[in-house]
Amino acid sequence: MQVRAVLKNHRVSARKARLVVDLVRGKPVEEALTVLELSTKRVAKPIAKLVRSALASAAERNTRERAGIDVDNLVVKTITVDRGPSMWRIRPRAQGRATWIQRRSSHITVVLEEV
């Protein structure tokens, strides 16, 4: 049985988040959380929180529906990072000019599955 959790509109570019996500894809949940805690990237903390949220959702579903999910045997089946909306801002430049900059965001989805 699969459990899914989604983090939307997180203020980090998808390219930076994918570097961290690639480290935990396919690993058991315990190992994935350890890797995320030891990572020095800023986005590792929200991703770890998302994985813990999916784990709590699995435990809740297990007690509510008697689904028979063994929380200790869950692995990160898929974890994806998609582009979210971008905010446009103006930055002042030299000689009275201005340039547009993009503040990117991303949507992160994690799916846990029992082995």
N, C-alpha and C. Protein backbone atom coordinates (compact mmCIF):
# COMPACT_ATOMS: atom_id res chain seq x y z
N MET A 1 0.83 -1.17 0.00
CA MET A 1 0.00 0.00 0.00
C MET A 1 0.88 1.25 0.00
N GLN A 2 0.45 2.26 -0.72
CA GLN A 2 1.25 3.47 -0.86
C GLN A 2 0.69 4.60 0.00
N VAL A 3 1.60 5.45 0.46
CA VAL A 3 1.24 6.64 1.21
C VAL A 3 1.92 7.82 0.54
N ARG A 4 1.17 8.91 0.39
CA ARG A 4 1.67 10.05 -0.39
C ARG A 4 1.58 11.32 0.45
N ALA A 5 2.59 12.19 0.30
CA ALA A 5 2.58 13.51 0.95
C ALA A 5 3.13 14.52 -0.05
N VAL A 6 2.58 15.74 -0.02
CA VAL A 6 2.94 16.76 -1.00
C VAL A 6 3.28 18.06 -0.28
N LEU A 7 4.36 18.70 -0.71
CA LEU A 7 4.74 20.03 -0.24
C LEU A 7 4.66 20.96 -1.44
N LYS A 8 3.78 21.94 -1.38
CA LYS A 8 3.58 22.82 -2.52
C LYS A 8 4.14 24.21 -2.26
N ASN A 9 4.59 24.84 -3.32
CA ASN A 9 5.04 26.24 -3.32
C ASN A 9 6.17 26.50 -2.33
N HIS A 10 7.09 25.56 -2.20
CA HIS A 10 8.24 25.78 -1.32
C HIS A 10 9.24 26.66 -2.05
N ARG A 11 9.77 27.66 -1.34
CA ARG A 11 10.62 28.66 -1.96
C ARG A 11 12.06 28.18 -2.14
N VAL A 12 12.24 27.25 -3.06
CA VAL A 12 13.56 26.80 -3.45
C VAL A 12 13.44 26.38 -4.91
N SER A 13 14.48 26.58 -5.67
CA SER A 13 14.39 26.19 -7.07
C SER A 13 14.38 24.66 -7.19
N ALA A 14 13.70 24.18 -8.19
CA ALA A 14 13.57 22.74 -8.39
C ALA A 14 14.94 22.10 -8.63
N ARG A 15 15.81 22.81 -9.28
CA ARG A 15 17.13 22.28 -9.59
C ARG A 15 17.93 21.99 -8.31
N LYS A 16 17.85 22.90 -7.34
CA LYS A 16 18.56 22.71 -6.08
C LYS A 16 17.93 21.59 -5.25
N ALA A 17 16.60 21.51 -5.29
CA ALA A 17 15.91 20.48 -4.50
C ALA A 17 16.18 19.09 -5.07
N ARG A 18 16.32 18.98 -6.37
CA ARG A 18 16.56 17.66 -6.99
C ARG A 18 17.89 17.06 -6.56
N LEU A 19 18.87 17.92 -6.24
CA LEU A 19 20.17 17.42 -5.77
C LEU A 19 20.00 16.63 -4.47
N VAL A 20 19.14 17.10 -3.59
CA VAL A 20 18.93 16.44 -2.30
C VAL A 20 18.01 15.24 -2.46
N VAL A 21 16.98 15.39 -3.28
CA VAL A 21 15.99 14.33 -3.47
C VAL A 21 16.63 13.08 -4.07
N ASP A 22 17.60 13.27 -4.94
CA ASP A 22 18.27 12.12 -5.57
C ASP A 22 19.03 11.27 -4.56
N LEU A 23 19.39 11.86 -3.41
CA LEU A 23 20.13 11.12 -2.39
C LEU A 23 19.27 10.09 -1.67
N VAL A 24 17.94 10.33 -1.59
CA VAL A 24 17.10 9.48 -0.76
C VAL A 24 16.15 8.59 -1.55
N ARG A 25 16.07 8.75 -2.84
CA ARG A 25 15.14 7.96 -3.65
C ARG A 25 15.50 6.48 -3.59
N GLY A 26 14.52 5.64 -3.25
CA GLY A 26 14.72 4.20 -3.19
C GLY A 26 15.26 3.66 -1.89
N LYS A 27 15.53 4.52 -0.92
CA LYS A 27 16.09 4.07 0.35
C LYS A 27 14.99 3.81 1.38
N PRO A 28 15.28 2.99 2.39
CA PRO A 28 14.32 2.84 3.50
C PRO A 28 14.14 4.18 4.22
N VAL A 29 13.00 4.35 4.86
CA VAL A 29 12.66 5.64 5.46
C VAL A 29 13.66 6.04 6.55
N GLU A 30 14.06 5.10 7.38
CA GLU A 30 15.02 5.41 8.45
C GLU A 30 16.34 5.94 7.87
N GLU A 31 16.82 5.27 6.85
CA GLU A 31 18.08 5.68 6.22
C GLU A 31 17.92 7.02 5.50
N ALA A 32 16.77 7.23 4.87
CA ALA A 32 16.51 8.49 4.17
C ALA A 32 16.50 9.66 5.15
N LEU A 33 15.87 9.47 6.30
CA LEU A 33 15.84 10.54 7.30
C LEU A 33 17.23 10.83 7.86
N THR A 34 18.04 9.81 8.01
CA THR A 34 19.42 10.00 8.48
C THR A 34 20.23 10.80 7.46
N VAL A 35 20.08 10.44 6.19
CA VAL A 35 20.81 11.16 5.13
C VAL A 35 20.37 12.62 5.09
N LEU A 36 19.08 12.87 5.23
CA LEU A 36 18.57 14.24 5.18
C LEU A 36 19.02 15.06 6.38
N GLU A 37 19.09 14.44 7.55
CA GLU A 37 19.54 15.16 8.74
C GLU A 37 21.02 15.54 8.64
N LEU A 38 21.81 14.71 7.99
CA LEU A 38 23.24 14.98 7.88
C LEU A 38 23.60 15.86 6.68
N SER A 39 22.64 16.13 5.83
CA SER A 39 22.90 16.96 4.65
C SER A 39 23.05 18.43 5.06
N THR A 40 23.93 19.13 4.36
CA THR A 40 24.16 20.54 4.67
C THR A 40 23.30 21.47 3.82
N LYS A 41 22.54 20.93 2.90
CA LYS A 41 21.70 21.75 2.03
C LYS A 41 20.49 22.28 2.81
N ARG A 42 20.07 23.50 2.48
CA ARG A 42 18.97 24.15 3.17
C ARG A 42 17.64 23.43 2.95
N VAL A 43 17.47 22.85 1.78
CA VAL A 43 16.20 22.21 1.43
C VAL A 43 16.04 20.84 2.08
N ALA A 44 17.09 20.31 2.69
CA ALA A 44 17.01 18.97 3.30
C ALA A 44 16.06 18.94 4.48
N LYS A 45 15.96 20.03 5.22
CA LYS A 45 15.10 20.08 6.40
C LYS A 45 13.61 19.97 6.02
N PRO A 46 13.11 20.75 5.05
CA PRO A 46 11.70 20.58 4.67
C PRO A 46 11.40 19.23 4.03
N ILE A 47 12.37 18.66 3.31
CA ILE A 47 12.15 17.34 2.71
C ILE A 47 12.05 16.28 3.80
N ALA A 48 12.90 16.39 4.83
CA ALA A 48 12.82 15.45 5.96
C ALA A 48 11.48 15.59 6.67
N LYS A 49 11.01 16.80 6.80
CA LYS A 49 9.70 17.02 7.43
C LYS A 49 8.59 16.40 6.60
N LEU A 50 8.72 16.47 5.28
CA LEU A 50 7.73 15.88 4.38
C LEU A 50 7.73 14.35 4.49
N VAL A 51 8.91 13.76 4.57
CA VAL A 51 9.01 12.30 4.70
C VAL A 51 8.42 11.86 6.04
N ARG A 52 8.69 12.63 7.12
CA ARG A 52 8.09 12.32 8.41
C ARG A 52 6.57 12.45 8.38
N SER A 53 6.08 13.41 7.61
CA SER A 53 4.63 13.59 7.47
C SER A 53 4.00 12.39 6.77
N ALA A 54 4.65 11.90 5.73
CA ALA A 54 4.14 10.71 5.03
C ALA A 54 4.19 9.49 5.95
N LEU A 55 5.23 9.40 6.77
CA LEU A 55 5.35 8.30 7.72
C LEU A 55 4.24 8.35 8.76
N ALA A 56 3.94 9.54 9.26
CA ALA A 56 2.86 9.70 10.23
C ALA A 56 1.51 9.40 9.59
N SER A 57 1.37 9.76 8.33
CA SER A 57 0.14 9.46 7.61
C SER A 57 -0.05 7.96 7.46
N ALA A 58 1.03 7.25 7.21
CA ALA A 58 0.97 5.79 7.11
C ALA A 58 0.57 5.17 8.45
N ALA A 59 1.14 5.68 9.53
CA ALA A 59 0.80 5.16 10.85
C ALA A 59 -0.66 5.45 11.19
N GLU A 60 -1.12 6.63 10.85
CA GLU A 60 -2.52 7.00 11.11
C GLU A 60 -3.47 6.14 10.30
N ARG A 61 -3.14 5.93 9.03
CA ARG A 61 -3.98 5.09 8.18
C ARG A 61 -4.02 3.66 8.70
N ASN A 62 -2.88 3.22 9.23
CA ASN A 62 -2.78 1.86 9.76
C ASN A 62 -3.73 1.67 10.95
N THR A 63 -3.79 2.66 11.85
CA THR A 63 -4.66 2.53 13.02
C THR A 63 -6.12 2.76 12.67
N ARG A 64 -6.38 3.66 11.73
CA ARG A 64 -7.76 4.00 11.41
C ARG A 64 -8.43 2.94 10.56
N GLU A 65 -7.74 2.46 9.53
CA GLU A 65 -8.35 1.52 8.58
C GLU A 65 -7.93 0.08 8.81
N ARG A 66 -7.04 -0.14 9.78
CA ARG A 66 -6.49 -1.47 9.99
C ARG A 66 -5.93 -2.02 8.68
N ALA A 67 -5.13 -1.18 8.03
CA ALA A 67 -4.63 -1.49 6.70
C ALA A 67 -3.53 -2.55 6.71
N GLY A 68 -2.91 -2.76 7.83
CA GLY A 68 -1.86 -3.76 7.91
C GLY A 68 -0.53 -3.28 7.35
N ILE A 69 -0.29 -1.97 7.39
CA ILE A 69 0.98 -1.43 6.91
C ILE A 69 2.02 -1.57 8.02
N ASP A 70 3.15 -2.16 7.69
CA ASP A 70 4.25 -2.24 8.64
C ASP A 70 5.12 -1.01 8.44
N VAL A 71 5.07 -0.08 9.39
CA VAL A 71 5.74 1.21 9.25
C VAL A 71 7.25 1.03 9.19
N ASP A 72 7.78 -0.04 9.76
CA ASP A 72 9.23 -0.26 9.77
C ASP A 72 9.75 -0.71 8.41
N ASN A 73 8.88 -1.20 7.52
CA ASN A 73 9.31 -1.70 6.22
C ASN A 73 9.01 -0.75 5.07
N LEU A 74 8.80 0.53 5.36
CA LEU A 74 8.49 1.48 4.30
C LEU A 74 9.77 1.98 3.63
N VAL A 75 9.70 2.15 2.33
CA VAL A 75 10.80 2.73 1.55
C VAL A 75 10.27 3.90 0.75
N VAL A 76 11.18 4.78 0.36
CA VAL A 76 10.82 5.93 -0.47
C VAL A 76 10.74 5.41 -1.90
N LYS A 77 9.52 5.14 -2.36
CA LYS A 77 9.35 4.59 -3.70
C LYS A 77 9.67 5.65 -4.75
N THR A 78 8.95 6.76 -4.70
CA THR A 78 9.23 7.87 -5.62
C THR A 78 9.24 9.16 -4.83
N ILE A 79 10.09 10.05 -5.25
CA ILE A 79 10.12 11.40 -4.70
C ILE A 79 10.47 12.32 -5.86
N THR A 80 9.57 13.24 -6.16
CA THR A 80 9.74 14.09 -7.33
C THR A 80 9.70 15.55 -6.94
N VAL A 81 10.37 16.35 -7.75
CA VAL A 81 10.37 17.80 -7.57
C VAL A 81 9.94 18.42 -8.89
N ASP A 82 8.84 19.17 -8.85
CA ASP A 82 8.33 19.85 -10.04
C ASP A 82 8.42 21.36 -9.84
N ARG A 83 8.45 22.07 -10.96
CA ARG A 83 8.50 23.53 -10.89
C ARG A 83 7.20 24.08 -10.37
N GLY A 84 7.30 25.07 -9.50
CA GLY A 84 6.12 25.77 -9.02
C GLY A 84 6.07 27.16 -9.65
N PRO A 85 5.18 28.00 -9.17
CA PRO A 85 5.09 29.35 -9.72
C PRO A 85 6.31 30.18 -9.35
N SER A 86 6.63 31.12 -10.21
CA SER A 86 7.76 32.01 -9.96
C SER A 86 7.26 33.41 -9.64
N MET A 87 7.91 34.06 -8.69
CA MET A 87 7.61 35.45 -8.39
C MET A 87 8.61 36.31 -9.13
N TRP A 88 8.15 37.38 -9.68
CA TRP A 88 9.04 38.31 -10.38
C TRP A 88 9.29 39.52 -9.50
N ARG A 89 10.56 39.90 -9.37
CA ARG A 89 10.95 41.06 -8.58
C ARG A 89 11.85 41.95 -9.43
N ILE A 90 11.97 43.19 -9.02
CA ILE A 90 12.82 44.14 -9.75
C ILE A 90 14.03 44.47 -8.88
N ARG A 91 15.20 44.39 -9.47
CA ARG A 91 16.43 44.73 -8.77
C ARG A 91 17.04 45.98 -9.40
N PRO A 92 17.34 47.00 -8.61
CA PRO A 92 17.97 48.20 -9.15
C PRO A 92 19.40 47.89 -9.63
N ARG A 93 19.78 48.50 -10.72
CA ARG A 93 21.11 48.32 -11.29
C ARG A 93 21.77 49.68 -11.48
N ALA A 94 22.94 49.66 -12.05
CA ALA A 94 23.71 50.89 -12.21
C ALA A 94 23.07 51.84 -13.22
N GLN A 95 23.32 53.11 -13.05
CA GLN A 95 22.90 54.18 -13.95
C GLN A 95 21.38 54.25 -14.12
N GLY A 96 20.66 53.99 -13.04
CA GLY A 96 19.21 54.15 -13.06
C GLY A 96 18.44 53.04 -13.73
N ARG A 97 19.12 51.98 -14.11
CA ARG A 97 18.43 50.88 -14.77
C ARG A 97 17.85 49.91 -13.74
N ALA A 98 17.04 48.99 -14.22
CA ALA A 98 16.49 47.94 -13.36
C ALA A 98 16.41 46.66 -14.17
N THR A 99 16.56 45.53 -13.49
CA THR A 99 16.43 44.23 -14.17
C THR A 99 15.44 43.38 -13.39
N TRP A 100 14.83 42.47 -14.12
CA TRP A 100 13.88 41.54 -13.51
C TRP A 100 14.62 40.32 -12.99
N ILE A 101 14.25 39.85 -11.81
CA ILE A 101 14.79 38.59 -11.30
C ILE A 101 13.62 37.68 -10.96
N GLN A 102 13.86 36.38 -11.02
CA GLN A 102 12.83 35.40 -10.73
C GLN A 102 13.12 34.75 -9.38
N ARG A 103 12.08 34.67 -8.54
CA ARG A 103 12.16 33.91 -7.30
C ARG A 103 11.39 32.62 -7.55
N ARG A 104 12.11 31.54 -7.69
CA ARG A 104 11.48 30.28 -8.09
C ARG A 104 10.95 29.51 -6.88
N SER A 105 9.98 28.66 -7.14
CA SER A 105 9.45 27.77 -6.11
C SER A 105 9.25 26.39 -6.72
N SER A 106 8.94 25.42 -5.88
CA SER A 106 8.81 24.05 -6.37
C SER A 106 7.76 23.29 -5.57
N HIS A 107 7.25 22.22 -6.19
CA HIS A 107 6.34 21.29 -5.55
C HIS A 107 7.07 19.97 -5.36
N ILE A 108 7.06 19.45 -4.14
CA ILE A 108 7.78 18.21 -3.84
C ILE A 108 6.75 17.15 -3.43
N THR A 109 6.83 15.99 -4.07
CA THR A 109 5.90 14.89 -3.78
C THR A 109 6.70 13.66 -3.38
N VAL A 110 6.30 13.02 -2.28
CA VAL A 110 6.96 11.80 -1.83
C VAL A 110 5.92 10.70 -1.72
N VAL A 111 6.29 9.50 -2.19
CA VAL A 111 5.42 8.33 -2.10
C VAL A 111 6.20 7.23 -1.38
N LEU A 112 5.62 6.75 -0.28
CA LEU A 112 6.23 5.66 0.49
C LEU A 112 5.45 4.37 0.19
N GLU A 113 6.19 3.28 0.11
CA GLU A 113 5.55 1.99 -0.16
C GLU A 113 6.18 0.94 0.73
N GLU A 114 5.38 -0.05 1.10
CA GLU A 114 5.87 -1.13 1.94
C GLU A 114 6.61 -2.15 1.09
N VAL A 115 7.72 -2.64 1.61
CA VAL A 115 8.51 -3.63 0.88
C VAL A 115 7.85 -4.98 0.99
